[in-house]
Amino acid sequence: MTELGDTASLKAEIATYDKDEIDQYISAIKNEIKMLNDHTEQLESENTEKDINYVESFIRIYESKIIEQSDEMERLFSEVQ
């Protein structure tokens, strides 16, 4: 691990920083995070809608298979009688 140096030299270096530039950088980062959060929410919403559509489609397919198998069982039952 590298050493940071003594407190006096750190304070001297920090004193040379442009406060307005740092504030603008922090603001830009906050805006970027907000935009990414909004985009993430949008993607999650789209995925949720896709998941719902997938499940609904699966249920429709599954339902038709159950009905198909039920009809087949009735037919076989009738043949056995």
PDB file of N, CA and C in Angstrom:
ATOM      1  N   MET A   1       0.845  -1.179   0.000  1.00  0.00           N
ATOM      2  CA  MET A   1       0.000   0.000   0.000  1.00  0.00           C
ATOM      3  C   MET A   1       0.890   1.241   0.000  1.00  0.00           C
ATOM      4  N   THR A   2       0.565   2.200  -0.836  1.00  0.00           N
ATOM      5  CA  THR A   2       1.359   3.424  -0.890  1.00  0.00           C
ATOM      6  C   THR A   2       0.952   4.359   0.224  1.00  0.00           C
ATOM      7  N   GLU A   3       1.921   5.105   0.665  1.00  0.00           N
ATOM      8  CA  GLU A   3       1.646   6.070   1.732  1.00  0.00           C
ATOM      9  C   GLU A   3       1.082   7.341   1.128  1.00  0.00           C
ATOM     10  N   LEU A   4       0.195   7.976   1.852  1.00  0.00           N
ATOM     11  CA  LEU A   4      -0.426   9.202   1.369  1.00  0.00           C
ATOM     12  C   LEU A   4       0.438  10.425   1.634  1.00  0.00           C
ATOM     13  N   GLY A   5       1.342  10.333   2.532  1.00  0.00           N
ATOM     14  CA  GLY A   5       2.161  11.489   2.887  1.00  0.00           C
ATOM     15  C   GLY A   5       1.657  12.111   4.164  1.00  0.00           C
ATOM     16  N   ASP A   6       2.341  13.150   4.574  1.00  0.00           N
ATOM     17  CA  ASP A   6       1.929  13.773   5.842  1.00  0.00           C
ATOM     18  C   ASP A   6       0.754  14.707   5.627  1.00  0.00           C
ATOM     19  N   THR A   7       0.125  15.042   6.708  1.00  0.00           N
ATOM     20  CA  THR A   7      -1.093  15.852   6.673  1.00  0.00           C
ATOM     21  C   THR A   7      -0.853  17.219   6.059  1.00  0.00           C
ATOM     22  N   ALA A   8       0.256  17.842   6.368  1.00  0.00           N
ATOM     23  CA  ALA A   8       0.536  19.182   5.851  1.00  0.00           C
ATOM     24  C   ALA A   8       0.646  19.180   4.332  1.00  0.00           C
ATOM     25  N   SER A   9       1.323  18.168   3.769  1.00  0.00           N
ATOM     26  CA  SER A   9       1.464  18.131   2.310  1.00  0.00           C
ATOM     27  C   SER A   9       0.134  17.825   1.635  1.00  0.00           C
ATOM     28  N   LEU A  10      -0.678  16.978   2.271  1.00  0.00           N
ATOM     29  CA  LEU A  10      -2.017  16.704   1.716  1.00  0.00           C
ATOM     30  C   LEU A  10      -2.871  17.961   1.724  1.00  0.00           C
ATOM     31  N   LYS A  11      -2.838  18.697   2.831  1.00  0.00           N
ATOM     32  CA  LYS A  11      -3.621  19.939   2.916  1.00  0.00           C
ATOM     33  C   LYS A  11      -3.151  20.938   1.871  1.00  0.00           C
ATOM     34  N   ALA A  12      -1.851  21.012   1.646  1.00  0.00           N
ATOM     35  CA  ALA A  12      -1.313  21.940   0.656  1.00  0.00           C
ATOM     36  C   ALA A  12      -1.763  21.554  -0.745  1.00  0.00           C
ATOM     37  N   GLU A  13      -1.746  20.257  -1.044  1.00  0.00           N
ATOM     38  CA  GLU A  13      -2.182  19.803  -2.364  1.00  0.00           C
ATOM     39  C   GLU A  13      -3.672  20.065  -2.565  1.00  0.00           C
ATOM     40  N   ILE A  14      -4.468  19.752  -1.550  1.00  0.00           N
ATOM     41  CA  ILE A  14      -5.919  19.951  -1.651  1.00  0.00           C
ATOM     42  C   ILE A  14      -6.248  21.430  -1.798  1.00  0.00           C
ATOM     43  N   ALA A  15      -5.467  22.294  -1.200  1.00  0.00           N
ATOM     44  CA  ALA A  15      -5.710  23.733  -1.288  1.00  0.00           C
ATOM     45  C   ALA A  15      -5.567  24.242  -2.717  1.00  0.00           C
ATOM     46  N   THR A  16      -4.811  23.527  -3.551  1.00  0.00           N
ATOM     47  CA  THR A  16      -4.626  23.959  -4.943  1.00  0.00           C
ATOM     48  C   THR A  16      -5.765  23.509  -5.846  1.00  0.00           C
ATOM     49  N   TYR A  17      -6.665  22.674  -5.355  1.00  0.00           N
ATOM     50  CA  TYR A  17      -7.777  22.187  -6.163  1.00  0.00           C
ATOM     51  C   TYR A  17      -8.766  23.317  -6.416  1.00  0.00           C
ATOM     52  N   ASP A  18      -9.372  23.274  -7.580  1.00  0.00           N
ATOM     53  CA  ASP A  18     -10.381  24.264  -7.948  1.00  0.00           C
ATOM     54  C   ASP A  18     -11.735  23.785  -7.416  1.00  0.00           C
ATOM     55  N   LYS A  19     -12.269  24.480  -6.423  1.00  0.00           N
ATOM     56  CA  LYS A  19     -13.512  24.081  -5.773  1.00  0.00           C
ATOM     57  C   LYS A  19     -14.667  24.027  -6.772  1.00  0.00           C
ATOM     58  N   ASP A  20     -14.765  25.013  -7.646  1.00  0.00           N
ATOM     59  CA  ASP A  20     -15.863  25.033  -8.624  1.00  0.00           C
ATOM     60  C   ASP A  20     -15.779  23.837  -9.575  1.00  0.00           C
ATOM     61  N   GLU A  21     -14.556  23.516  -9.989  1.00  0.00           N
ATOM     62  CA  GLU A  21     -14.378  22.374 -10.882  1.00  0.00           C
ATOM     63  C   GLU A  21     -14.772  21.072 -10.182  1.00  0.00           C
ATOM     64  N   ILE A  22     -14.397  20.951  -8.928  1.00  0.00           N
ATOM     65  CA  ILE A  22     -14.766  19.757  -8.152  1.00  0.00           C
ATOM     66  C   ILE A  22     -16.277  19.685  -7.977  1.00  0.00           C
ATOM     67  N   ASP A  23     -16.902  20.817  -7.672  1.00  0.00           N
ATOM     68  CA  ASP A  23     -18.364  20.837  -7.518  1.00  0.00           C
ATOM     69  C   ASP A  23     -19.060  20.459  -8.821  1.00  0.00           C
ATOM     70  N   GLN A  24     -18.548  20.951  -9.952  1.00  0.00           N
ATOM     71  CA  GLN A  24     -19.123  20.606 -11.247  1.00  0.00           C
ATOM     72  C   GLN A  24     -18.955  19.105 -11.534  1.00  0.00           C
ATOM     73  N   TYR A  25     -17.792  18.578 -11.182  1.00  0.00           N
ATOM     74  CA  TYR A  25     -17.534  17.148 -11.378  1.00  0.00           C
ATOM     75  C   TYR A  25     -18.497  16.315 -10.539  1.00  0.00           C
ATOM     76  N   ILE A  26     -18.670  16.692  -9.277  1.00  0.00           N
ATOM     77  CA  ILE A  26     -19.586  15.963  -8.384  1.00  0.00           C
ATOM     78  C   ILE A  26     -21.011  16.048  -8.920  1.00  0.00           C
ATOM     79  N   SER A  27     -21.411  17.221  -9.384  1.00  0.00           N
ATOM     80  CA  SER A  27     -22.749  17.397  -9.949  1.00  0.00           C
ATOM     81  C   SER A  27     -22.932  16.529 -11.196  1.00  0.00           C
ATOM     82  N   ALA A  28     -21.914  16.493 -12.051  1.00  0.00           N
ATOM     83  CA  ALA A  28     -21.996  15.674 -13.268  1.00  0.00           C
ATOM     84  C   ALA A  28     -22.115  14.196 -12.912  1.00  0.00           C
ATOM     85  N   ILE A  29     -21.366  13.749 -11.902  1.00  0.00           N
ATOM     86  CA  ILE A  29     -21.439  12.353 -11.470  1.00  0.00           C
ATOM     87  C   ILE A  29     -22.831  12.049 -10.913  1.00  0.00           C
ATOM     88  N   LYS A  30     -23.375  12.955 -10.100  1.00  0.00           N
ATOM     89  CA  LYS A  30     -24.728  12.747  -9.555  1.00  0.00           C
ATOM     90  C   LYS A  30     -25.759  12.659 -10.669  1.00  0.00           C
ATOM     91  N   ASN A  31     -25.632  13.525 -11.678  1.00  0.00           N
ATOM     92  CA  ASN A  31     -26.562  13.486 -12.816  1.00  0.00           C
ATOM     93  C   ASN A  31     -26.435  12.178 -13.582  1.00  0.00           C
ATOM     94  N   GLU A  32     -25.191  11.730 -13.767  1.00  0.00           N
ATOM     95  CA  GLU A  32     -24.952  10.462 -14.473  1.00  0.00           C
ATOM     96  C   GLU A  32     -25.573   9.296 -13.703  1.00  0.00           C
ATOM     97  N   ILE A  33     -25.407   9.301 -12.393  1.00  0.00           N
ATOM     98  CA  ILE A  33     -25.989   8.239 -11.559  1.00  0.00           C
ATOM     99  C   ILE A  33     -27.511   8.267 -11.654  1.00  0.00           C
ATOM    100  N   LYS A  34     -28.100   9.458 -11.615  1.00  0.00           N
ATOM    101  CA  LYS A  34     -29.558   9.564 -11.730  1.00  0.00           C
ATOM    102  C   LYS A  34     -30.024   9.036 -13.084  1.00  0.00           C
ATOM    103  N   MET A  35     -29.304   9.400 -14.143  1.00  0.00           N
ATOM    104  CA  MET A  35     -29.671   8.934 -15.485  1.00  0.00           C
ATOM    105  C   MET A  35     -29.552   7.406 -15.565  1.00  0.00           C
ATOM    106  N   LEU A  36     -28.487   6.860 -14.999  1.00  0.00           N
ATOM    107  CA  LEU A  36     -28.319   5.407 -15.003  1.00  0.00           C
ATOM    108  C   LEU A  36     -29.415   4.718 -14.184  1.00  0.00           C
ATOM    109  N   ASN A  37     -29.779   5.296 -13.051  1.00  0.00           N
ATOM    110  CA  ASN A  37     -30.859   4.733 -12.242  1.00  0.00           C
ATOM    111  C   ASN A  37     -32.181   4.746 -13.008  1.00  0.00           C
ATOM    112  N   ASP A  38     -32.456   5.858 -13.681  1.00  0.00           N
ATOM    113  CA  ASP A  38     -33.682   5.951 -14.486  1.00  0.00           C
ATOM    114  C   ASP A  38     -33.673   4.908 -15.597  1.00  0.00           C
ATOM    115  N   HIS A  39     -32.520   4.769 -16.252  1.00  0.00           N
ATOM    116  CA  HIS A  39     -32.401   3.790 -17.338  1.00  0.00           C
ATOM    117  C   HIS A  39     -32.569   2.361 -16.802  1.00  0.00           C
ATOM    118  N   THR A  40     -32.003   2.104 -15.641  1.00  0.00           N
ATOM    119  CA  THR A  40     -32.125   0.783 -15.011  1.00  0.00           C
ATOM    120  C   THR A  40     -33.586   0.482 -14.702  1.00  0.00           C
ATOM    121  N   GLU A  41     -34.300   1.464 -14.155  1.00  0.00           N
ATOM    122  CA  GLU A  41     -35.726   1.283 -13.864  1.00  0.00           C
ATOM    123  C   GLU A  41     -36.503   0.990 -15.142  1.00  0.00           C
ATOM    124  N   GLN A  42     -36.169   1.693 -16.226  1.00  0.00           N
ATOM    125  CA  GLN A  42     -36.844   1.468 -17.503  1.00  0.00           C
ATOM    126  C   GLN A  42     -36.583   0.042 -17.988  1.00  0.00           C
ATOM    127  N   LEU A  43     -35.330  -0.406 -17.917  1.00  0.00           N
ATOM    128  CA  LEU A  43     -35.005  -1.762 -18.358  1.00  0.00           C
ATOM    129  C   LEU A  43     -35.704  -2.804 -17.493  1.00  0.00           C
ATOM    130  N   GLU A  44     -35.750  -2.572 -16.183  1.00  0.00           N
ATOM    131  CA  GLU A  44     -36.439  -3.508 -15.294  1.00  0.00           C
ATOM    132  C   GLU A  44     -37.917  -3.573 -15.628  1.00  0.00           C
ATOM    133  N   SER A  45     -38.511  -2.430 -15.930  1.00  0.00           N
ATOM    134  CA  SER A  45     -39.926  -2.389 -16.303  1.00  0.00           C
ATOM    135  C   SER A  45     -40.160  -3.159 -17.588  1.00  0.00           C
ATOM    136  N   GLU A  46     -39.283  -2.970 -18.581  1.00  0.00           N
ATOM    137  CA  GLU A  46     -39.415  -3.696 -19.845  1.00  0.00           C
ATOM    138  C   GLU A  46     -39.249  -5.192 -19.627  1.00  0.00           C
ATOM    139  N   ASN A  47     -38.277  -5.568 -18.808  1.00  0.00           N
ATOM    140  CA  ASN A  47     -38.062  -6.985 -18.535  1.00  0.00           C
ATOM    141  C   ASN A  47     -39.259  -7.580 -17.816  1.00  0.00           C
ATOM    142  N   THR A  48     -39.843  -6.828 -16.888  1.00  0.00           N
ATOM    143  CA  THR A  48     -41.014  -7.308 -16.169  1.00  0.00           C
ATOM    144  C   THR A  48     -42.163  -7.548 -17.141  1.00  0.00           C
ATOM    145  N   GLU A  49     -42.358  -6.617 -18.060  1.00  0.00           N
ATOM    146  CA  GLU A  49     -43.421  -6.769 -19.062  1.00  0.00           C
ATOM    147  C   GLU A  49     -43.147  -7.987 -19.943  1.00  0.00           C
ATOM    148  N   LYS A  50     -41.883  -8.174 -20.335  1.00  0.00           N
ATOM    149  CA  LYS A  50     -41.526  -9.340 -21.145  1.00  0.00           C
ATOM    150  C   LYS A  50     -41.756 -10.627 -20.359  1.00  0.00           C
ATOM    151  N   ASP A  51     -41.397 -10.601 -19.080  1.00  0.00           N
ATOM    152  CA  ASP A  51     -41.605 -11.783 -18.234  1.00  0.00           C
ATOM    153  C   ASP A  51     -43.084 -12.112 -18.113  1.00  0.00           C
ATOM    154  N   ILE A  52     -43.905 -11.099 -17.931  1.00  0.00           N
ATOM    155  CA  ILE A  52     -45.356 -11.303 -17.825  1.00  0.00           C
ATOM    156  C   ILE A  52     -45.879 -11.909 -19.124  1.00  0.00           C
ATOM    157  N   ASN A  53     -45.446 -11.362 -20.254  1.00  0.00           N
ATOM    158  CA  ASN A  53     -45.892 -11.893 -21.546  1.00  0.00           C
ATOM    159  C   ASN A  53     -45.434 -13.334 -21.730  1.00  0.00           C
ATOM    160  N   TYR A  54     -44.211 -13.627 -21.295  1.00  0.00           N
ATOM    161  CA  TYR A  54     -43.688 -14.989 -21.408  1.00  0.00           C
ATOM    162  C   TYR A  54     -44.529 -15.956 -20.585  1.00  0.00           C
ATOM    163  N   VAL A  55     -44.825 -15.574 -19.349  1.00  0.00           N
ATOM    164  CA  VAL A  55     -45.610 -16.446 -18.467  1.00  0.00           C
ATOM    165  C   VAL A  55     -47.019 -16.629 -19.025  1.00  0.00           C
ATOM    166  N   GLU A  56     -47.612 -15.553 -19.512  1.00  0.00           N
ATOM    167  CA  GLU A  56     -48.953 -15.665 -20.088  1.00  0.00           C
ATOM    168  C   GLU A  56     -48.947 -16.613 -21.290  1.00  0.00           C
ATOM    169  N   SER A  57     -47.932 -16.489 -22.131  1.00  0.00           N
ATOM    170  CA  SER A  57     -47.826 -17.383 -23.285  1.00  0.00           C
ATOM    171  C   SER A  57     -47.628 -18.824 -22.840  1.00  0.00           C
ATOM    172  N   PHE A  58     -46.776 -19.002 -21.843  1.00  0.00           N
ATOM    173  CA  PHE A  58     -46.524 -20.339 -21.317  1.00  0.00           C
ATOM    174  C   PHE A  58     -47.810 -20.953 -20.775  1.00  0.00           C
ATOM    175  N   ILE A  59     -48.581 -20.169 -20.046  1.00  0.00           N
ATOM    176  CA  ILE A  59     -49.836 -20.662 -19.472  1.00  0.00           C
ATOM    177  C   ILE A  59     -50.804 -21.052 -20.591  1.00  0.00           C
ATOM    178  N   ARG A  60     -50.890 -20.224 -21.628  1.00  0.00           N
ATOM    179  CA  ARG A  60     -51.779 -20.552 -22.754  1.00  0.00           C
ATOM    180  C   ARG A  60     -51.353 -21.864 -23.412  1.00  0.00           C
ATOM    181  N   ILE A  61     -50.055 -22.022 -23.647  1.00  0.00           N
ATOM    182  CA  ILE A  61     -49.555 -23.263 -24.256  1.00  0.00           C
ATOM    183  C   ILE A  61     -49.813 -24.441 -23.333  1.00  0.00           C
ATOM    184  N   TYR A  62     -49.527 -24.277 -22.078  1.00  0.00           N
ATOM    185  CA  TYR A  62     -49.706 -25.349 -21.099  1.00  0.00           C
ATOM    186  C   TYR A  62     -51.181 -25.731 -20.988  1.00  0.00           C
ATOM    187  N   GLU A  63     -52.028 -24.715 -20.992  1.00  0.00           N
ATOM    188  CA  GLU A  63     -53.468 -24.969 -20.897  1.00  0.00           C
ATOM    189  C   GLU A  63     -53.943 -25.792 -22.095  1.00  0.00           C
ATOM    190  N   SER A  64     -53.495 -25.449 -23.265  1.00  0.00           N
ATOM    191  CA  SER A  64     -53.928 -26.195 -24.453  1.00  0.00           C
ATOM    192  C   SER A  64     -53.413 -27.630 -24.403  1.00  0.00           C
ATOM    193  N   LYS A  65     -52.213 -27.846 -23.858  1.00  0.00           N
ATOM    194  CA  LYS A  65     -51.682 -29.205 -23.720  1.00  0.00           C
ATOM    195  C   LYS A  65     -52.516 -30.016 -22.724  1.00  0.00           C
ATOM    196  N   ILE A  66     -52.911 -29.402 -21.636  1.00  0.00           N
ATOM    197  CA  ILE A  66     -53.738 -30.100 -20.645  1.00  0.00           C
ATOM    198  C   ILE A  66     -55.065 -30.510 -21.278  1.00  0.00           C
ATOM    199  N   ILE A  67     -55.671 -29.586 -21.991  1.00  0.00           N
ATOM    200  CA  ILE A  67     -56.940 -29.897 -22.649  1.00  0.00           C
ATOM    201  C   ILE A  67     -56.739 -31.011 -23.678  1.00  0.00           C
ATOM    202  N   GLU A  68     -55.648 -30.921 -24.429  1.00  0.00           N
ATOM    203  CA  GLU A  68     -55.338 -31.938 -25.426  1.00  0.00           C
ATOM    204  C   GLU A  68     -55.153 -33.308 -24.763  1.00  0.00           C
ATOM    205  N   GLN A  69     -54.391 -33.338 -23.679  1.00  0.00           N
ATOM    206  CA  GLN A  69     -54.159 -34.600 -22.976  1.00  0.00           C
ATOM    207  C   GLN A  69     -55.440 -35.126 -22.328  1.00  0.00           C
ATOM    208  N   SER A  70     -56.250 -34.226 -21.831  1.00  0.00           N
ATOM    209  CA  SER A  70     -57.520 -34.626 -21.241  1.00  0.00           C
ATOM    210  C   SER A  70     -58.427 -35.266 -22.293  1.00  0.00           C
ATOM    211  N   ASP A  71     -58.489 -34.648 -23.462  1.00  0.00           N
ATOM    212  CA  ASP A  71     -59.284 -35.211 -24.554  1.00  0.00           C
ATOM    213  C   ASP A  71     -58.758 -36.588 -24.953  1.00  0.00           C
ATOM    214  N   GLU A  72     -57.455 -36.725 -25.001  1.00  0.00           N
ATOM    215  CA  GLU A  72     -56.836 -37.999 -25.348  1.00  0.00           C
ATOM    216  C   GLU A  72     -57.165 -39.065 -24.297  1.00  0.00           C
ATOM    217  N   MET A  73     -57.121 -38.686 -23.032  1.00  0.00           N
ATOM    218  CA  MET A  73     -57.449 -39.642 -21.966  1.00  0.00           C
ATOM    219  C   MET A  73     -58.913 -40.063 -22.045  1.00  0.00           C
ATOM    220  N   GLU A  74     -59.796 -39.126 -22.341  1.00  0.00           N
ATOM    221  CA  GLU A  74     -61.218 -39.465 -22.495  1.00  0.00           C
ATOM    222  C   GLU A  74     -61.419 -40.418 -23.664  1.00  0.00           C
ATOM    223  N   ARG A  75     -60.731 -40.161 -24.746  1.00  0.00           N
ATOM    224  CA  ARG A  75     -60.827 -41.035 -25.915  1.00  0.00           C
ATOM    225  C   ARG A  75     -60.340 -42.447 -25.572  1.00  0.00           C
ATOM    226  N   LEU A  76     -59.185 -42.505 -24.899  1.00  0.00           N
ATOM    227  CA  LEU A  76     -58.654 -43.813 -24.507  1.00  0.00           C
ATOM    228  C   LEU A  76     -59.582 -44.515 -23.525  1.00  0.00           C
ATOM    229  N   PHE A  77     -60.149 -43.797 -22.612  1.00  0.00           N
ATOM    230  CA  PHE A  77     -61.080 -44.367 -21.635  1.00  0.00           C
ATOM    231  C   PHE A  77     -62.299 -44.953 -22.354  1.00  0.00           C
ATOM    232  N   SER A  78     -62.774 -44.196 -23.350  1.00  0.00           N
ATOM    233  CA  SER A  78     -63.932 -44.683 -24.123  1.00  0.00           C
ATOM    234  C   SER A  78     -63.576 -45.952 -24.892  1.00  0.00           C
ATOM    235  N   GLU A  79     -62.385 -46.004 -25.417  1.00  0.00           N
ATOM    236  CA  GLU A  79     -61.964 -47.188 -26.154  1.00  0.00           C
ATOM    237  C   GLU A  79     -61.830 -48.406 -25.225  1.00  0.00           C
ATOM    238  N   VAL A  80     -61.367 -48.177 -24.012  1.00  0.00           N
ATOM    239  CA  VAL A  80     -61.180 -49.260 -23.069  1.00  0.00           C
ATOM    240  C   VAL A  80     -62.543 -49.831 -22.622  1.00  0.00           C
ATOM    241  N   GLN A  81     -63.527 -48.973 -22.513  1.00  0.00           N
ATOM    242  CA  GLN A  81     -64.867 -49.435 -22.083  1.00  0.00           C
ATOM    243  C   GLN A  81     -65.448 -50.246 -23.163  1.00  0.00           C
TER     244      GLN A  81
END
